[in-house]
Amino acid sequence: MTEDKTAVRNAATVIVLRDRYTTPSILMGQRGASAAFMPNKFVFPGGAVDRADAAVSLAEPLPPVCHARLGEDSEPDMQDILALAAIRELWEETGLVLGIPGAWQEEIPEDWRTYAATGHLPSAAGLQFVFRALTPPGRPRRFDARFFLVDADLIQGDLDDFTHATDELSHLQWIPLTEARRFDLPFVTEVALAEVAARVHDTSPPANVPYLRNGAEESLFLRLKGYAQPD
């Protein structure tokens, strides 16, 4: 059965914020020129949910408010899966580990074996759901992407060691928050950056989350804040 590449896929993106109280910077990399989705653009680590993500357990849960916001206008029981996708994608694309030390007691899916080999269990305690965006119709790939903010202090190991990263992103680097817009960014990344800039000195999870919902008829900038969204 051929995959429908125009179908909307759930996805997770991770914005790692470093030195937030002094010289804040964020981790970004460049997509390849031949990539079907956002070629050559500088982006945050992230990607689509894998089937294997549903087979993994979190060692520590999401903050309750983030769990609640993720559940709004969404497929049921996606919260932990999205958090796990964020942790896996961060590991795959940067080689950075978000988790806590520990030995796995469950069967390890193939896509998680290299992460598990680091001796860590995935933890979502530090992930904050801060933004959501649905790719407009007509694009070669469409994603319903949830953006998670995480403080770099929660990353295990050397923040400058990208040796375990795959080749999905090149030019991985810490970019000062004030200079990020000088790079070739997708529009949605620029919107996410504005949310991060507003939360640099606020370490609490946001009570409501902006949602850029691009539909066939119109694009709506909504807020997920504890009650039903308009149809």
C-alpha atoms as a PDB file:
ATOM      1  CA  MET A   1       0.000   0.000   0.000  1.00  0.00           C
ATOM      2  CA  THR A   2       1.492   3.317  -1.078  1.00  0.00           C
ATOM      3  CA  GLU A   3       1.813   6.011   1.595  1.00  0.00           C
ATOM      4  CA  ASP A   4      -0.327   9.095   0.985  1.00  0.00           C
ATOM      5  CA  LYS A   5       2.305  11.816   1.311  1.00  0.00           C
ATOM      6  CA  THR A   6      -0.331  14.555   1.153  1.00  0.00           C
ATOM      7  CA  ALA A   7      -2.064  13.282   4.312  1.00  0.00           C
ATOM      8  CA  VAL A   8      -1.594  15.338   7.479  1.00  0.00           C
ATOM      9  CA  ARG A   9       0.884  13.675   9.847  1.00  0.00           C
ATOM     10  CA  ASN A  10       1.270  14.395  13.534  1.00  0.00           C
ATOM     11  CA  ALA A  11       4.695  15.826  14.274  1.00  0.00           C
ATOM     12  CA  ALA A  12       6.783  17.212  17.108  1.00  0.00           C
ATOM     13  CA  THR A  13       9.402  19.944  17.087  1.00  0.00           C
ATOM     14  CA  VAL A  14      11.859  20.783  19.864  1.00  0.00           C
ATOM     15  CA  ILE A  15      13.150  24.259  20.660  1.00  0.00           C
ATOM     16  CA  VAL A  16      16.132  23.930  23.001  1.00  0.00           C
ATOM     17  CA  LEU A  17      16.838  27.181  24.841  1.00  0.00           C
ATOM     18  CA  ARG A  18      20.325  27.716  26.220  1.00  0.00           C
ATOM     19  CA  ASP A  19      21.602  30.386  28.650  1.00  0.00           C
ATOM     20  CA  ARG A  20      18.145  31.908  28.915  1.00  0.00           C
ATOM     21  CA  TYR A  21      19.094  34.395  31.642  1.00  0.00           C
ATOM     22  CA  THR A  22      22.328  35.677  30.080  1.00  0.00           C
ATOM     23  CA  THR A  23      22.794  35.249  26.323  1.00  0.00           C
ATOM     24  CA  PRO A  24      19.831  33.100  25.177  1.00  0.00           C
ATOM     25  CA  SER A  25      20.377  30.926  22.131  1.00  0.00           C
ATOM     26  CA  ILE A  26      18.443  28.202  20.357  1.00  0.00           C
ATOM     27  CA  LEU A  27      19.572  25.052  18.540  1.00  0.00           C
ATOM     28  CA  MET A  28      18.902  24.967  14.796  1.00  0.00           C
ATOM     29  CA  GLY A  29      20.124  23.157  11.704  1.00  0.00           C
ATOM     30  CA  GLN A  30      19.702  23.392   7.936  1.00  0.00           C
ATOM     31  CA  ARG A  31      17.576  21.032   5.887  1.00  0.00           C
ATOM     32  CA  GLY A  32      19.102  19.589   2.738  1.00  0.00           C
ATOM     33  CA  ALA A  33      18.644  21.138  -0.691  1.00  0.00           C
ATOM     34  CA  SER A  34      16.898  17.997  -1.951  1.00  0.00           C
ATOM     35  CA  ALA A  35      14.472  17.731   0.990  1.00  0.00           C
ATOM     36  CA  ALA A  36      10.826  17.546  -0.084  1.00  0.00           C
ATOM     37  CA  PHE A  37       9.753  19.686   2.875  1.00  0.00           C
ATOM     38  CA  MET A  38      11.335  23.109   3.469  1.00  0.00           C
ATOM     39  CA  PRO A  39      14.574  22.559   1.511  1.00  0.00           C
ATOM     40  CA  ASN A  40      17.567  24.685   2.587  1.00  0.00           C
ATOM     41  CA  LYS A  41      15.649  26.233   5.473  1.00  0.00           C
ATOM     42  CA  PHE A  42      17.040  26.552   8.987  1.00  0.00           C
ATOM     43  CA  VAL A  43      14.698  24.776  11.383  1.00  0.00           C
ATOM     44  CA  PHE A  44      14.435  23.331  14.864  1.00  0.00           C
ATOM     45  CA  PRO A  45      14.951  19.577  15.317  1.00  0.00           C
ATOM     46  CA  GLY A  46      11.751  17.634  14.782  1.00  0.00           C
ATOM     47  CA  GLY A  47       9.732  15.347  12.584  1.00  0.00           C
ATOM     48  CA  ALA A  48       6.735  13.093  12.222  1.00  0.00           C
ATOM     49  CA  VAL A  49       5.483  10.693  14.847  1.00  0.00           C
ATOM     50  CA  ASP A  50       6.678   7.118  14.292  1.00  0.00           C
ATOM     51  CA  ARG A  51       4.537   4.067  14.961  1.00  0.00           C
ATOM     52  CA  ALA A  52       7.184   2.924  17.460  1.00  0.00           C
ATOM     53  CA  ASP A  53       6.627   6.006  19.636  1.00  0.00           C
ATOM     54  CA  ALA A  54       3.330   4.560  20.843  1.00  0.00           C
ATOM     55  CA  ALA A  55       5.169   1.480  22.145  1.00  0.00           C
ATOM     56  CA  VAL A  56       7.442   3.456  24.513  1.00  0.00           C
ATOM     57  CA  SER A  57       6.644   4.690  28.014  1.00  0.00           C
ATOM     58  CA  LEU A  58       7.668   7.988  29.544  1.00  0.00           C
ATOM     59  CA  ALA A  59       9.739   7.777  32.719  1.00  0.00           C
ATOM     60  CA  GLU A  60       8.366  11.174  33.763  1.00  0.00           C
ATOM     61  CA  PRO A  61       5.129  12.747  32.478  1.00  0.00           C
ATOM     62  CA  LEU A  62       4.435  16.033  30.768  1.00  0.00           C
ATOM     63  CA  PRO A  63       3.484  19.030  32.923  1.00  0.00           C
ATOM     64  CA  PRO A  64      -0.292  18.717  33.516  1.00  0.00           C
ATOM     65  CA  VAL A  65      -1.185  21.971  31.763  1.00  0.00           C
ATOM     66  CA  CYS A  66       0.777  20.928  28.660  1.00  0.00           C
ATOM     67  CA  HIS A  67      -0.914  17.521  28.677  1.00  0.00           C
ATOM     68  CA  ALA A  68      -4.291  19.274  28.763  1.00  0.00           C
ATOM     69  CA  ARG A  69      -3.500  21.707  25.943  1.00  0.00           C
ATOM     70  CA  LEU A  70      -2.109  18.921  23.742  1.00  0.00           C
ATOM     71  CA  GLY A  71      -5.400  17.094  24.089  1.00  0.00           C
ATOM     72  CA  GLU A  72      -7.465  19.939  22.651  1.00  0.00           C
ATOM     73  CA  ASP A  73      -8.666  19.644  19.041  1.00  0.00           C
ATOM     74  CA  SER A  74      -6.584  16.497  18.692  1.00  0.00           C
ATOM     75  CA  GLU A  75      -6.814  12.765  18.231  1.00  0.00           C
ATOM     76  CA  PRO A  76      -7.327  11.024  21.585  1.00  0.00           C
ATOM     77  CA  ASP A  77      -4.360   9.887  23.672  1.00  0.00           C
ATOM     78  CA  MET A  78      -1.727  11.596  21.532  1.00  0.00           C
ATOM     79  CA  GLN A  79      -0.066  13.587  24.313  1.00  0.00           C
ATOM     80  CA  ASP A  80       2.588  11.103  25.430  1.00  0.00           C
ATOM     81  CA  ILE A  81       3.195   9.938  21.865  1.00  0.00           C
ATOM     82  CA  LEU A  82       3.922  13.502  20.742  1.00  0.00           C
ATOM     83  CA  ALA A  83       6.279  14.024  23.673  1.00  0.00           C
ATOM     84  CA  LEU A  84       8.098  10.791  22.849  1.00  0.00           C
ATOM     85  CA  ALA A  85       8.379  11.791  19.194  1.00  0.00           C
ATOM     86  CA  ALA A  86       9.953  15.076  20.309  1.00  0.00           C
ATOM     87  CA  ILE A  87      12.521  13.274  22.464  1.00  0.00           C
ATOM     88  CA  ARG A  88      13.346  10.739  19.731  1.00  0.00           C
ATOM     89  CA  GLU A  89      13.650  13.367  16.999  1.00  0.00           C
ATOM     90  CA  LEU A  90      15.923  15.508  19.177  1.00  0.00           C
ATOM     91  CA  TRP A  91      18.176  12.492  19.681  1.00  0.00           C
ATOM     92  CA  GLU A  92      18.171  11.453  16.022  1.00  0.00           C
ATOM     93  CA  GLU A  93      18.768  14.903  14.531  1.00  0.00           C
ATOM     94  CA  THR A  94      21.186  16.339  17.117  1.00  0.00           C
ATOM     95  CA  GLY A  95      22.539  13.471  19.224  1.00  0.00           C
ATOM     96  CA  LEU A  96      21.349  15.228  22.384  1.00  0.00           C
ATOM     97  CA  VAL A  97      19.614  13.220  25.094  1.00  0.00           C
ATOM     98  CA  LEU A  98      16.544  14.451  26.924  1.00  0.00           C
ATOM     99  CA  GLY A  99      15.841  11.931  29.663  1.00  0.00           C
ATOM    100  CA  ILE A 100      16.902  10.545  33.022  1.00  0.00           C
ATOM    101  CA  PRO A 101      19.446   7.803  33.756  1.00  0.00           C
ATOM    102  CA  GLY A 102      17.902   4.358  33.931  1.00  0.00           C
ATOM    103  CA  ALA A 103      17.625   0.873  32.462  1.00  0.00           C
ATOM    104  CA  TRP A 104      14.768  -0.035  30.120  1.00  0.00           C
ATOM    105  CA  GLN A 105      12.376  -2.661  31.488  1.00  0.00           C
ATOM    106  CA  GLU A 106      10.255  -2.938  28.331  1.00  0.00           C
ATOM    107  CA  GLU A 107      10.968  -4.160  24.829  1.00  0.00           C
ATOM    108  CA  ILE A 108      12.889  -1.501  22.931  1.00  0.00           C
ATOM    109  CA  PRO A 109      11.573  -0.671  19.444  1.00  0.00           C
ATOM    110  CA  GLU A 110      14.224  -0.504  16.729  1.00  0.00           C
ATOM    111  CA  ASP A 111      13.850   3.263  16.305  1.00  0.00           C
ATOM    112  CA  TRP A 112      14.645   3.725  20.006  1.00  0.00           C
ATOM    113  CA  ARG A 113      17.599   1.363  20.393  1.00  0.00           C
ATOM    114  CA  THR A 114      20.381   3.904  19.949  1.00  0.00           C
ATOM    115  CA  TYR A 115      18.691   6.228  22.436  1.00  0.00           C
ATOM    116  CA  ALA A 116      18.252   3.412  24.959  1.00  0.00           C
ATOM    117  CA  ALA A 117      21.916   2.496  24.518  1.00  0.00           C
ATOM    118  CA  THR A 118      22.872   5.833  26.094  1.00  0.00           C
ATOM    119  CA  GLY A 119      21.528   4.525  29.410  1.00  0.00           C
ATOM    120  CA  HIS A 120      18.621   6.949  29.670  1.00  0.00           C
ATOM    121  CA  LEU A 121      14.838   6.764  29.861  1.00  0.00           C
ATOM    122  CA  PRO A 122      12.722   9.365  28.049  1.00  0.00           C
ATOM    123  CA  SER A 123      11.397  12.108  30.320  1.00  0.00           C
ATOM    124  CA  ALA A 124       8.823  14.710  29.309  1.00  0.00           C
ATOM    125  CA  ALA A 125       8.916  16.627  32.600  1.00  0.00           C
ATOM    126  CA  GLY A 126      10.877  19.477  31.020  1.00  0.00           C
ATOM    127  CA  LEU A 127       8.925  19.710  27.765  1.00  0.00           C
ATOM    128  CA  GLN A 128       6.630  22.722  27.517  1.00  0.00           C
ATOM    129  CA  PHE A 129       4.015  22.838  24.750  1.00  0.00           C
ATOM    130  CA  VAL A 130       4.273  26.400  23.383  1.00  0.00           C
ATOM    131  CA  PHE A 131       3.021  26.443  19.775  1.00  0.00           C
ATOM    132  CA  ARG A 132       1.117  24.401  17.189  1.00  0.00           C
ATOM    133  CA  ALA A 133       0.955  24.799  13.414  1.00  0.00           C
ATOM    134  CA  LEU A 134      -0.845  22.948  10.634  1.00  0.00           C
ATOM    135  CA  THR A 135       0.895  23.023   7.239  1.00  0.00           C
ATOM    136  CA  PRO A 136      -1.244  24.696   4.528  1.00  0.00           C
ATOM    137  CA  PRO A 137      -2.885  22.512   1.857  1.00  0.00           C
ATOM    138  CA  GLY A 138      -1.004  22.071  -1.390  1.00  0.00           C
ATOM    139  CA  ARG A 139       2.427  21.477   0.154  1.00  0.00           C
ATOM    140  CA  PRO A 140       4.357  18.285  -0.726  1.00  0.00           C
ATOM    141  CA  ARG A 141       4.150  17.282   2.962  1.00  0.00           C
ATOM    142  CA  ARG A 142       1.593  18.331   5.560  1.00  0.00           C
ATOM    143  CA  PHE A 143       2.225  18.186   9.302  1.00  0.00           C
ATOM    144  CA  ASP A 144       0.229  19.011  12.393  1.00  0.00           C
ATOM    145  CA  ALA A 145       3.292  20.089  14.343  1.00  0.00           C
ATOM    146  CA  ARG A 146       3.457  20.679  18.076  1.00  0.00           C
ATOM    147  CA  PHE A 147       6.384  22.802  19.216  1.00  0.00           C
ATOM    148  CA  PHE A 148       7.962  22.015  22.578  1.00  0.00           C
ATOM    149  CA  LEU A 149      10.303  24.338  24.468  1.00  0.00           C
ATOM    150  CA  VAL A 150      12.923  22.773  26.733  1.00  0.00           C
ATOM    151  CA  ASP A 151      15.688  24.329  28.794  1.00  0.00           C
ATOM    152  CA  ALA A 152      19.141  23.160  27.722  1.00  0.00           C
ATOM    153  CA  ASP A 153      20.057  22.528  31.365  1.00  0.00           C
ATOM    154  CA  LEU A 154      17.859  19.419  31.190  1.00  0.00           C
ATOM    155  CA  ILE A 155      19.883  17.891  28.350  1.00  0.00           C
ATOM    156  CA  GLN A 156      22.223  15.097  29.399  1.00  0.00           C
ATOM    157  CA  GLY A 157      25.890  15.423  28.446  1.00  0.00           C
ATOM    158  CA  ASP A 158      27.814  17.914  26.329  1.00  0.00           C
ATOM    159  CA  LEU A 159      25.564  20.475  24.639  1.00  0.00           C
ATOM    160  CA  ASP A 160      28.116  20.955  21.851  1.00  0.00           C
ATOM    161  CA  ASP A 161      28.574  17.285  21.008  1.00  0.00           C
ATOM    162  CA  PHE A 162      26.580  16.476  17.864  1.00  0.00           C
ATOM    163  CA  THR A 163      28.641  13.434  16.886  1.00  0.00           C
ATOM    164  CA  HIS A 164      25.709  11.042  17.333  1.00  0.00           C
ATOM    165  CA  ALA A 165      23.379  13.028  15.080  1.00  0.00           C
ATOM    166  CA  THR A 166      22.097  11.656  11.796  1.00  0.00           C
ATOM    167  CA  ASP A 167      22.608  13.655   8.597  1.00  0.00           C
ATOM    168  CA  GLU A 168      19.036  15.002   8.449  1.00  0.00           C
ATOM    169  CA  LEU A 169      20.184  18.461   9.515  1.00  0.00           C
ATOM    170  CA  SER A 170      23.483  20.099   8.608  1.00  0.00           C
ATOM    171  CA  HIS A 171      25.202  23.111  10.167  1.00  0.00           C
ATOM    172  CA  LEU A 172      23.828  22.322  13.625  1.00  0.00           C
ATOM    173  CA  GLN A 173      24.585  25.306  15.814  1.00  0.00           C
ATOM    174  CA  TRP A 174      23.518  27.395  18.765  1.00  0.00           C
ATOM    175  CA  ILE A 175      22.161  30.634  17.361  1.00  0.00           C
ATOM    176  CA  PRO A 176      21.708  33.714  19.558  1.00  0.00           C
ATOM    177  CA  LEU A 177      18.006  34.394  19.827  1.00  0.00           C
ATOM    178  CA  THR A 178      18.534  37.978  18.721  1.00  0.00           C
ATOM    179  CA  GLU A 179      20.244  36.841  15.496  1.00  0.00           C
ATOM    180  CA  ALA A 180      18.005  33.943  14.451  1.00  0.00           C
ATOM    181  CA  ARG A 181      15.938  35.960  11.979  1.00  0.00           C
ATOM    182  CA  ARG A 182      19.051  36.637   9.900  1.00  0.00           C
ATOM    183  CA  PHE A 183      18.882  33.015   8.753  1.00  0.00           C
ATOM    184  CA  ASP A 184      16.646  31.586   6.017  1.00  0.00           C
ATOM    185  CA  LEU A 185      13.674  30.533   8.134  1.00  0.00           C
ATOM    186  CA  PRO A 186      10.217  29.175   7.303  1.00  0.00           C
ATOM    187  CA  PHE A 187       7.407  31.534   8.276  1.00  0.00           C
ATOM    188  CA  VAL A 188       6.128  29.136  10.926  1.00  0.00           C
ATOM    189  CA  THR A 189       9.574  29.093  12.556  1.00  0.00           C
ATOM    190  CA  GLU A 190       9.555  32.874  12.762  1.00  0.00           C
ATOM    191  CA  VAL A 191       6.188  32.746  14.527  1.00  0.00           C
ATOM    192  CA  ALA A 192       7.504  30.137  16.961  1.00  0.00           C
ATOM    193  CA  LEU A 193      10.554  32.296  17.655  1.00  0.00           C
ATOM    194  CA  ALA A 194       8.294  35.142  18.730  1.00  0.00           C
ATOM    195  CA  GLU A 195       6.661  32.843  21.272  1.00  0.00           C
ATOM    196  CA  VAL A 196      10.061  31.763  22.592  1.00  0.00           C
ATOM    197  CA  ALA A 197      11.285  35.352  22.862  1.00  0.00           C
ATOM    198  CA  ALA A 198       8.234  36.198  24.958  1.00  0.00           C
ATOM    199  CA  ARG A 199       8.961  33.302  27.324  1.00  0.00           C
ATOM    200  CA  VAL A 200      12.732  33.559  27.748  1.00  0.00           C
ATOM    201  CA  HIS A 201      12.529  34.527  31.411  1.00  0.00           C
ATOM    202  CA  ASP A 202       9.314  32.647  32.178  1.00  0.00           C
ATOM    203  CA  THR A 203      10.024  29.056  33.169  1.00  0.00           C
ATOM    204  CA  SER A 204       6.406  28.052  33.819  1.00  0.00           C
ATOM    205  CA  PRO A 205       4.442  26.099  31.186  1.00  0.00           C
ATOM    206  CA  PRO A 206       2.046  28.377  29.265  1.00  0.00           C
ATOM    207  CA  ALA A 207      -1.596  28.263  30.267  1.00  0.00           C
ATOM    208  CA  ASN A 208      -2.662  28.767  26.643  1.00  0.00           C
ATOM    209  CA  VAL A 209      -0.978  27.961  23.355  1.00  0.00           C
ATOM    210  CA  PRO A 210      -1.192  29.672  19.936  1.00  0.00           C
ATOM    211  CA  TYR A 211      -2.362  27.470  17.072  1.00  0.00           C
ATOM    212  CA  LEU A 212      -1.799  28.455  13.442  1.00  0.00           C
ATOM    213  CA  ARG A 213      -4.400  26.346  11.644  1.00  0.00           C
ATOM    214  CA  ASN A 214      -4.011  26.575   7.877  1.00  0.00           C
ATOM    215  CA  GLY A 215      -7.083  25.178   6.136  1.00  0.00           C
ATOM    216  CA  ALA A 216      -8.365  24.990   2.579  1.00  0.00           C
ATOM    217  CA  GLU A 217     -10.620  28.023   3.024  1.00  0.00           C
ATOM    218  CA  GLU A 218      -8.674  30.188   5.465  1.00  0.00           C
ATOM    219  CA  SER A 219      -5.841  30.383   7.943  1.00  0.00           C
ATOM    220  CA  LEU A 220      -6.818  30.929  11.566  1.00  0.00           C
ATOM    221  CA  PHE A 221      -4.590  32.004  14.442  1.00  0.00           C
ATOM    222  CA  LEU A 222      -6.288  30.393  17.420  1.00  0.00           C
ATOM    223  CA  ARG A 223      -5.425  29.777  21.037  1.00  0.00           C
ATOM    224  CA  LEU A 224      -5.710  26.461  22.812  1.00  0.00           C
ATOM    225  CA  LYS A 225      -6.826  27.524  26.265  1.00  0.00           C
ATOM    226  CA  GLY A 226      -9.115  25.022  27.815  1.00  0.00           C
ATOM    227  CA  TYR A 227     -12.265  25.232  25.747  1.00  0.00           C
ATOM    228  CA  ALA A 228     -13.424  24.046  22.359  1.00  0.00           C
ATOM    229  CA  GLN A 229     -12.037  25.700  19.235  1.00  0.00           C
ATOM    230  CA  PRO A 230     -14.285  26.909  16.411  1.00  0.00           C
ATOM    231  CA  ASP A 231     -14.968  24.486  13.570  1.00  0.00           C
END
